[in-house]
Amino acid sequence: PYLALRYNCHINVEVCESVQSIRYIHKYVYKGDDRTTVEIETDEIKRFVESRYISPMQAAYRMLEYPTHSEYPPVVQLTVHLESEQSVLFPASADEGQLRHAADVSRTTLMAYLEYNRLNEDGRTVLYQDFPEKYVYQNTRKPYRWTRRARGFAIGRMVHLSPRAAGATSFDDLKFVNGQRYATFKDACVARQLLEDDGAWSRCFEEAAGWSLGGMRVLFVMALVSGEVTDPVRLWERFKAAICEDCEYRIRRTYGRTEVTVEESFDYGLFLIEQELSEYGRSLGNFQLPSVTLDWTIPGTNYTVHGASDFDADWEASELARLLPMLNEGQRAAYENITNGIFRDPLTAHFFLQGAGG
């Protein structure tokens, strides 16, 4: 106790009677686990400065201003953008006039490439990504432009693209293929056979048309929003009858109509597709699909819930009576558990079924 009071700390006093054992005269056996206080400071700059290591060789190179790295050949960053969608830099305090001026004088390597081909013929056989090999991009003073390379060598670098057309003089010029002008860049790519066809989607829709009544619209929307459909209009024209197969029944049931034309069924199908696309922030116009011509809007209607609850109850009941005796033991158990759970408390009736297909 004297030593603990004297030194104000945990202390052990040992007596060595022999080389075989050590006896404690005074020992704290309940002092607790060893602990320490750690503080984590979130300061990336301080952590970088304190952990940075500079070797003597690197320090000598820095003080003598020797080059520490080199690059050969030089790499020219090539921009890629759509027409009138280039990046424009302007100060935060710029007014409307200054913004317009900044947009008017902005120039990118792509815009300068198109202008060079419009004014000169010698570069029209060179692809965009190969242009820095034979030309130099002058960006020291405006207007920025390409000039013939007198010496040296450089390579171009841009985002992953595969240019196939050389000598383009404008954005609109890229829409011409074999003398024919196409409405969109995508149509021009299809004409150049740069995009895959929709053969896989066509086979998928052909298979689904035989059994998925009404579900074809959801499948069509999924195909559109996935971005893998090359020609949405052609796919719609080919399968619109199957996509809208149940629309006549829906119109009769929802709007009380007795006579429904084929054109009205197609228009209503487009209306339902438009509702589905709106959940993904898209519209029919994004895919060049025909617009809805009639007003199918019902105020206060949730079309997602309406579509899920719009079914023929009599037909469903007859299907239940027909298929229920055909269930095996496991299917019957699942059916009874699910239906009983829904009848007891629909809010907590959540189930997951997993089984091998085939």
Protein backbone atom coordinates (compact mmCIF):
# COMPACT_ATOMS: atom_id res chain seq x y z
CA PRO A 1 0.00 0.00 0.00
CA TYR A 2 2.83 2.41 0.74
CA LEU A 3 4.30 2.01 -2.72
CA ALA A 4 0.90 2.42 -4.37
CA LEU A 5 0.36 5.62 -2.38
CA ARG A 6 3.92 6.77 -2.94
CA TYR A 7 3.94 6.35 -6.73
CA ASN A 8 0.19 6.79 -7.32
CA CYS A 9 -0.03 3.92 -9.80
CA HIS A 10 -0.66 0.20 -10.07
CA ILE A 11 2.41 -1.54 -8.74
CA ASN A 12 3.43 -5.12 -8.05
CA VAL A 13 6.03 -6.10 -5.43
CA GLU A 14 7.82 -9.35 -6.07
CA VAL A 15 10.12 -11.48 -3.91
CA CYS A 16 12.46 -13.85 -5.74
CA GLU A 17 13.05 -16.73 -3.36
CA SER A 18 14.55 -18.96 -6.01
CA VAL A 19 14.94 -19.30 -9.74
CA GLN A 20 11.88 -21.56 -9.85
CA SER A 21 9.15 -19.26 -8.59
CA ILE A 22 8.18 -15.66 -7.98
CA ARG A 23 5.88 -14.63 -5.17
CA TYR A 24 3.85 -11.45 -5.13
CA ILE A 25 3.72 -9.59 -1.85
CA HIS A 26 1.26 -7.02 -3.09
CA LYS A 27 -0.70 -7.23 -6.36
CA TYR A 28 -3.82 -5.65 -7.85
CA VAL A 29 -5.85 -8.52 -9.23
CA TYR A 30 -9.04 -6.55 -9.98
CA LYS A 31 -7.62 -3.53 -11.73
CA GLY A 32 -9.46 -4.38 -15.00
CA ASP A 33 -8.36 -4.83 -18.59
CA ASP A 34 -5.66 -2.74 -20.17
CA ARG A 35 -7.20 0.23 -21.96
CA THR A 36 -6.13 3.11 -24.12
CA THR A 37 -7.80 6.16 -25.61
CA VAL A 38 -7.72 6.48 -29.39
CA GLU A 39 -8.91 9.51 -31.34
CA ILE A 40 -9.45 9.30 -35.10
CA GLU A 41 -8.99 12.61 -36.86
CA THR A 42 -10.52 12.93 -40.32
CA ASP A 43 -7.98 15.13 -42.04
CA GLU A 44 -6.84 13.77 -45.39
CA ILE A 45 -4.38 16.60 -46.03
CA LYS A 46 -2.66 16.17 -42.67
CA ARG A 47 -2.59 12.40 -43.10
CA PHE A 48 -1.01 12.77 -46.55
CA VAL A 49 1.65 15.23 -45.33
CA GLU A 50 2.57 13.21 -42.26
CA SER A 51 2.65 9.86 -44.07
CA ARG A 52 4.40 11.06 -47.22
CA TYR A 53 7.86 9.67 -47.71
CA ILE A 54 10.41 11.44 -49.91
CA SER A 55 13.54 9.48 -50.66
CA PRO A 56 16.94 11.20 -51.00
CA MET A 57 16.90 10.53 -54.75
CA GLN A 58 13.50 12.14 -55.18
CA ALA A 59 14.50 15.11 -53.03
CA ALA A 60 17.61 15.67 -55.16
CA TYR A 61 15.56 15.53 -58.38
CA ARG A 62 13.06 18.03 -56.97
CA MET A 63 15.72 20.50 -55.78
CA LEU A 64 17.70 20.29 -59.04
CA GLU A 65 14.44 20.50 -61.05
CA TYR A 66 15.16 17.34 -63.01
CA PRO A 67 12.22 15.78 -64.87
CA THR A 68 10.60 12.99 -62.86
CA HIS A 69 8.48 11.48 -65.62
CA SER A 70 8.05 11.54 -69.37
CA GLU A 71 5.40 10.55 -71.90
CA TYR A 72 5.82 9.47 -75.48
CA PRO A 73 4.10 9.84 -77.76
CA PRO A 74 1.98 12.78 -76.61
CA VAL A 75 -1.69 11.96 -76.05
CA VAL A 76 -4.37 14.38 -77.24
CA GLN A 77 -7.70 14.15 -75.43
CA LEU A 78 -10.52 14.16 -78.01
CA THR A 79 -13.98 15.25 -76.94
CA VAL A 80 -17.17 13.50 -78.05
CA HIS A 81 -20.61 15.13 -77.78
CA LEU A 82 -23.83 15.68 -79.66
CA GLU A 83 -24.57 18.82 -81.62
CA SER A 84 -24.84 21.94 -79.41
CA GLU A 85 -24.17 19.85 -76.29
CA GLN A 86 -20.50 20.70 -75.73
CA SER A 87 -19.23 21.82 -72.34
CA VAL A 88 -19.21 25.60 -71.84
CA LEU A 89 -17.15 27.30 -69.12
CA PHE A 90 -18.30 30.61 -67.63
CA PRO A 91 -17.87 32.51 -64.34
CA ALA A 92 -20.52 32.14 -61.67
CA SER A 93 -21.34 35.86 -61.91
CA ALA A 94 -21.97 35.78 -65.68
CA ASP A 95 -25.17 37.40 -66.94
CA GLU A 96 -27.34 36.17 -69.81
CA GLY A 97 -25.33 38.02 -72.45
CA GLN A 98 -22.06 36.60 -71.20
CA LEU A 99 -23.55 33.11 -71.15
CA ARG A 100 -24.65 33.43 -74.76
CA HIS A 101 -21.23 34.72 -75.77
CA ALA A 102 -19.47 31.87 -73.96
CA ALA A 103 -21.69 29.35 -75.73
CA ASP A 104 -21.12 30.98 -79.13
CA VAL A 105 -17.32 31.04 -78.88
CA SER A 106 -16.92 27.62 -77.26
CA ARG A 107 -14.96 25.24 -79.43
CA THR A 108 -14.05 21.58 -78.93
CA THR A 109 -11.69 19.27 -80.79
CA LEU A 110 -14.70 17.64 -82.45
CA MET A 111 -16.16 20.94 -83.65
CA ALA A 112 -12.74 22.02 -84.94
CA TYR A 113 -12.39 18.66 -86.71
CA LEU A 114 -15.70 19.13 -88.52
CA GLU A 115 -14.79 22.69 -89.49
CA TYR A 116 -11.39 21.63 -90.83
CA ASN A 117 -12.99 19.00 -93.06
CA ARG A 118 -15.52 21.54 -94.27
CA LEU A 119 -12.79 23.98 -95.32
CA ASN A 120 -10.13 21.48 -96.44
CA GLU A 121 -10.15 18.22 -98.35
CA ASP A 122 -6.84 16.70 -97.19
CA GLY A 123 -8.26 15.44 -93.87
CA ARG A 124 -11.45 13.84 -95.11
CA THR A 125 -9.90 10.38 -95.35
CA VAL A 126 -8.62 10.44 -91.74
CA LEU A 127 -10.76 9.13 -88.91
CA TYR A 128 -11.36 11.37 -85.92
CA GLN A 129 -9.28 9.33 -83.48
CA ASP A 130 -6.34 9.34 -85.95
CA PHE A 131 -6.42 13.10 -86.55
CA PRO A 132 -3.71 13.99 -83.96
CA GLU A 133 -1.22 11.82 -85.86
CA LYS A 134 -1.24 14.21 -88.82
CA TYR A 135 -2.61 17.43 -87.36
CA VAL A 136 -1.95 19.65 -84.34
CA TYR A 137 -4.73 21.14 -82.25
CA GLN A 138 -3.93 24.81 -81.64
CA ASN A 139 -5.54 25.82 -78.36
CA THR A 140 -3.24 28.66 -77.32
CA ARG A 141 -5.44 31.34 -78.84
CA LYS A 142 -8.97 31.52 -80.17
CA PRO A 143 -10.44 30.35 -82.38
CA TYR A 144 -9.08 26.89 -81.58
CA ARG A 145 -8.35 24.93 -84.74
CA TRP A 146 -6.49 22.00 -86.29
CA THR A 147 -3.41 22.64 -88.46
CA ARG A 148 -1.17 20.37 -90.49
CA ARG A 149 1.56 18.72 -88.41
CA ALA A 150 5.05 19.76 -89.50
CA ARG A 151 6.95 17.46 -87.18
CA GLY A 152 6.51 15.11 -84.27
CA PHE A 153 3.88 12.50 -83.57
CA ALA A 154 0.86 12.19 -81.29
CA ILE A 155 -2.04 9.85 -80.71
CA GLY A 156 -5.67 10.62 -79.91
CA ARG A 157 -7.58 9.39 -76.91
CA MET A 158 -11.34 9.54 -76.38
CA VAL A 159 -14.20 7.65 -74.78
CA HIS A 160 -14.92 4.14 -76.05
CA LEU A 161 -16.25 4.60 -79.57
CA SER A 162 -15.59 3.01 -82.92
CA PRO A 163 -15.76 5.71 -85.62
CA ARG A 164 -16.37 4.32 -89.10
CA ALA A 165 -17.02 7.49 -91.13
CA ALA A 166 -14.15 9.74 -92.18
CA GLY A 167 -14.35 13.24 -93.62
CA ALA A 168 -17.49 14.44 -91.83
CA THR A 169 -17.97 18.19 -92.24
CA SER A 170 -20.82 18.71 -89.74
CA PHE A 171 -23.04 16.85 -87.32
CA ASP A 172 -25.75 16.65 -89.96
CA ASP A 173 -23.26 15.14 -92.40
CA LEU A 174 -22.95 12.11 -90.10
CA LYS A 175 -26.61 11.27 -90.81
CA PHE A 176 -25.88 10.60 -94.50
CA VAL A 177 -25.19 7.00 -95.51
CA ASN A 178 -24.69 6.16 -99.18
CA GLY A 179 -26.28 9.45 -100.20
CA GLN A 180 -29.40 9.00 -98.05
CA ARG A 181 -30.10 11.21 -95.06
CA TYR A 182 -31.53 9.54 -91.95
CA ALA A 183 -33.60 11.28 -89.30
CA THR A 184 -31.44 10.33 -86.31
CA PHE A 185 -27.88 9.28 -85.61
CA LYS A 186 -29.20 5.93 -84.44
CA ASP A 187 -30.91 5.33 -87.79
CA ALA A 188 -27.65 6.15 -89.55
CA CYS A 189 -25.81 3.65 -87.34
CA VAL A 190 -28.36 0.99 -88.22
CA ALA A 191 -27.85 1.74 -91.92
CA ARG A 192 -24.10 1.35 -91.46
CA GLN A 193 -24.76 -1.97 -89.68
CA LEU A 194 -23.05 -0.73 -86.53
CA LEU A 195 -25.88 -1.89 -84.27
CA GLU A 196 -27.22 -5.35 -83.71
CA ASP A 197 -30.71 -6.11 -84.93
CA ASP A 198 -33.63 -6.94 -82.66
CA GLY A 199 -33.70 -10.63 -83.56
CA ALA A 200 -33.38 -11.76 -79.95
CA TRP A 201 -36.22 -9.48 -78.85
CA SER A 202 -38.38 -10.64 -81.76
CA ARG A 203 -37.97 -14.26 -80.72
CA CYS A 204 -38.72 -13.31 -77.12
CA PHE A 205 -41.95 -11.55 -78.12
CA GLU A 206 -42.98 -14.41 -80.39
CA GLU A 207 -42.70 -16.83 -77.49
CA ALA A 208 -44.44 -14.51 -75.01
CA ALA A 209 -47.31 -13.81 -77.41
CA GLY A 210 -48.56 -17.37 -76.98
CA TRP A 211 -49.20 -17.21 -73.24
CA SER A 212 -48.62 -13.75 -71.72
CA LEU A 213 -51.93 -11.94 -72.24
CA GLY A 214 -51.46 -8.33 -71.12
CA GLY A 215 -47.93 -9.01 -69.90
CA MET A 216 -46.59 -8.13 -73.33
CA ARG A 217 -46.82 -4.44 -72.48
CA VAL A 218 -44.63 -4.84 -69.42
CA LEU A 219 -42.16 -6.84 -71.50
CA PHE A 220 -42.19 -4.14 -74.17
CA VAL A 221 -41.51 -1.42 -71.59
CA MET A 222 -38.65 -3.44 -70.10
CA ALA A 223 -37.16 -3.82 -73.57
CA LEU A 224 -37.37 -0.07 -74.14
CA VAL A 225 -35.90 1.11 -70.84
CA SER A 226 -33.07 -1.43 -71.00
CA GLY A 227 -31.70 0.46 -74.01
CA GLU A 228 -31.04 -2.66 -76.05
CA VAL A 229 -33.79 -2.24 -78.68
CA THR A 230 -32.40 -0.94 -81.95
CA ASP A 231 -35.71 -0.16 -83.70
CA PRO A 232 -38.58 0.31 -81.20
CA VAL A 233 -41.02 1.47 -83.90
CA ARG A 234 -40.50 -1.62 -86.00
CA LEU A 235 -40.88 -3.87 -82.95
CA TRP A 236 -44.12 -2.09 -82.05
CA GLU A 237 -45.56 -2.37 -85.55
CA ARG A 238 -44.80 -6.07 -85.65
CA PHE A 239 -46.22 -7.03 -82.26
CA LYS A 240 -48.76 -4.30 -81.50
CA ALA A 241 -51.66 -6.71 -82.07
CA ALA A 242 -50.31 -9.07 -79.39
CA ILE A 243 -49.32 -6.19 -77.08
CA CYS A 244 -52.85 -4.75 -77.24
CA GLU A 245 -54.74 -8.04 -77.38
CA ASP A 246 -56.59 -7.40 -74.11
CA CYS A 247 -57.15 -3.68 -74.68
CA GLU A 248 -60.58 -4.12 -76.25
CA TYR A 249 -61.79 -5.97 -73.16
CA ARG A 250 -60.25 -3.35 -70.87
CA ILE A 251 -61.93 -0.51 -72.75
CA ARG A 252 -65.33 -2.20 -72.58
CA ARG A 253 -64.93 -2.92 -68.87
CA THR A 254 -63.39 0.40 -67.80
CA TYR A 255 -65.22 2.90 -70.00
CA GLY A 256 -68.48 1.05 -70.63
CA ARG A 257 -67.98 1.04 -74.38
CA THR A 258 -69.89 -1.42 -76.57
CA GLU A 259 -68.04 -0.79 -79.82
CA VAL A 260 -64.24 -0.63 -79.89
CA THR A 261 -62.20 -0.29 -83.08
CA VAL A 262 -58.76 -1.77 -83.67
CA GLU A 263 -57.23 1.71 -83.84
CA GLU A 264 -58.73 2.57 -80.45
CA SER A 265 -57.27 -0.61 -78.96
CA PHE A 266 -53.82 0.31 -80.27
CA ASP A 267 -54.19 3.87 -78.98
CA TYR A 268 -55.23 2.63 -75.54
CA GLY A 269 -52.28 0.24 -75.54
CA LEU A 270 -49.95 3.17 -76.22
CA PHE A 271 -51.64 5.04 -73.37
CA LEU A 272 -50.93 2.19 -70.94
CA ILE A 273 -47.34 1.93 -72.19
CA GLU A 274 -46.97 5.68 -71.62
CA GLN A 275 -48.10 5.22 -68.01
CA GLU A 276 -45.52 2.46 -67.49
CA LEU A 277 -42.74 4.51 -69.09
CA SER A 278 -43.53 7.52 -66.88
CA GLU A 279 -42.41 5.49 -63.85
CA TYR A 280 -38.92 5.39 -65.41
CA GLY A 281 -38.92 9.05 -66.41
CA ARG A 282 -39.43 8.22 -70.09
CA SER A 283 -42.15 8.81 -72.66
CA LEU A 284 -43.22 7.47 -76.05
CA GLY A 285 -41.44 10.36 -77.73
CA ASN A 286 -38.09 9.18 -76.37
CA PHE A 287 -38.41 6.10 -78.59
CA GLN A 288 -40.08 7.73 -81.63
CA LEU A 289 -43.25 5.75 -80.95
CA PRO A 290 -46.67 7.08 -82.03
CA SER A 291 -48.27 9.44 -79.55
CA VAL A 292 -51.63 8.88 -77.89
CA THR A 293 -54.41 10.62 -79.83
CA LEU A 294 -57.44 10.03 -77.57
CA ASP A 295 -58.03 11.06 -73.95
CA TRP A 296 -58.11 7.90 -71.82
CA THR A 297 -57.46 9.68 -68.53
CA ILE A 298 -59.70 8.86 -65.58
CA PRO A 299 -59.18 11.44 -62.78
CA GLY A 300 -57.84 9.94 -59.57
CA THR A 301 -57.00 6.56 -61.09
CA ASN A 302 -53.81 4.71 -60.24
CA TYR A 303 -53.24 2.84 -63.48
CA THR A 304 -50.72 0.44 -61.97
CA VAL A 305 -53.27 -0.75 -59.38
CA HIS A 306 -56.06 -0.56 -61.93
CA GLY A 307 -54.17 -2.78 -64.35
CA ALA A 308 -53.42 -5.36 -61.66
CA SER A 309 -57.04 -5.52 -60.48
CA ASP A 310 -58.68 -5.48 -63.90
CA PHE A 311 -59.37 -9.15 -64.63
CA ASP A 312 -62.28 -11.47 -65.44
CA ALA A 313 -63.34 -12.92 -62.08
CA ASP A 314 -65.57 -15.59 -63.62
CA TRP A 315 -62.82 -16.86 -65.88
CA GLU A 316 -60.33 -16.90 -63.02
CA ALA A 317 -62.79 -18.89 -60.87
CA SER A 318 -63.26 -21.46 -63.61
CA GLU A 319 -59.48 -21.80 -63.99
CA LEU A 320 -59.16 -22.33 -60.23
CA ALA A 321 -61.74 -25.12 -60.31
CA ARG A 322 -59.96 -26.74 -63.23
CA LEU A 323 -56.37 -26.51 -61.98
CA LEU A 324 -56.85 -27.07 -58.23
CA PRO A 325 -57.33 -30.88 -58.49
CA MET A 326 -54.15 -31.09 -60.57
CA LEU A 327 -51.86 -29.75 -57.78
CA ASN A 328 -49.38 -32.14 -56.23
CA GLU A 329 -48.82 -32.41 -52.48
CA GLY A 330 -46.23 -29.64 -52.25
CA GLN A 331 -48.18 -27.29 -54.51
CA ARG A 332 -51.36 -27.94 -52.52
CA ALA A 333 -49.58 -27.11 -49.25
CA ALA A 334 -48.22 -23.87 -50.71
CA TYR A 335 -51.65 -22.93 -52.07
CA GLU A 336 -53.38 -23.50 -48.73
CA ASN A 337 -50.73 -21.63 -46.72
CA ILE A 338 -50.84 -18.63 -49.04
CA THR A 339 -54.63 -18.39 -49.27
CA ASN A 340 -55.09 -18.91 -45.52
CA GLY A 341 -52.48 -16.23 -44.80
CA ILE A 342 -54.22 -13.76 -47.12
CA PHE A 343 -57.61 -14.41 -45.55
CA ARG A 344 -56.22 -14.05 -42.00
CA ASP A 345 -54.22 -10.84 -42.47
CA PRO A 346 -53.48 -9.54 -45.98
CA LEU A 347 -51.07 -6.88 -44.66
CA THR A 348 -48.65 -9.46 -43.24
CA ALA A 349 -49.15 -12.15 -45.88
CA HIS A 350 -45.72 -12.21 -47.54
CA PHE A 351 -44.42 -15.41 -49.08
CA PHE A 352 -41.40 -16.58 -51.05
CA LEU A 353 -41.62 -19.68 -53.24
CA GLN A 354 -38.58 -21.38 -54.68
CA GLY A 355 -38.60 -24.47 -56.83
CA ALA A 356 -36.87 -26.07 -59.77
CA GLY A 357 -38.33 -25.27 -63.17
CA GLY A 358 -38.83 -27.59 -66.11
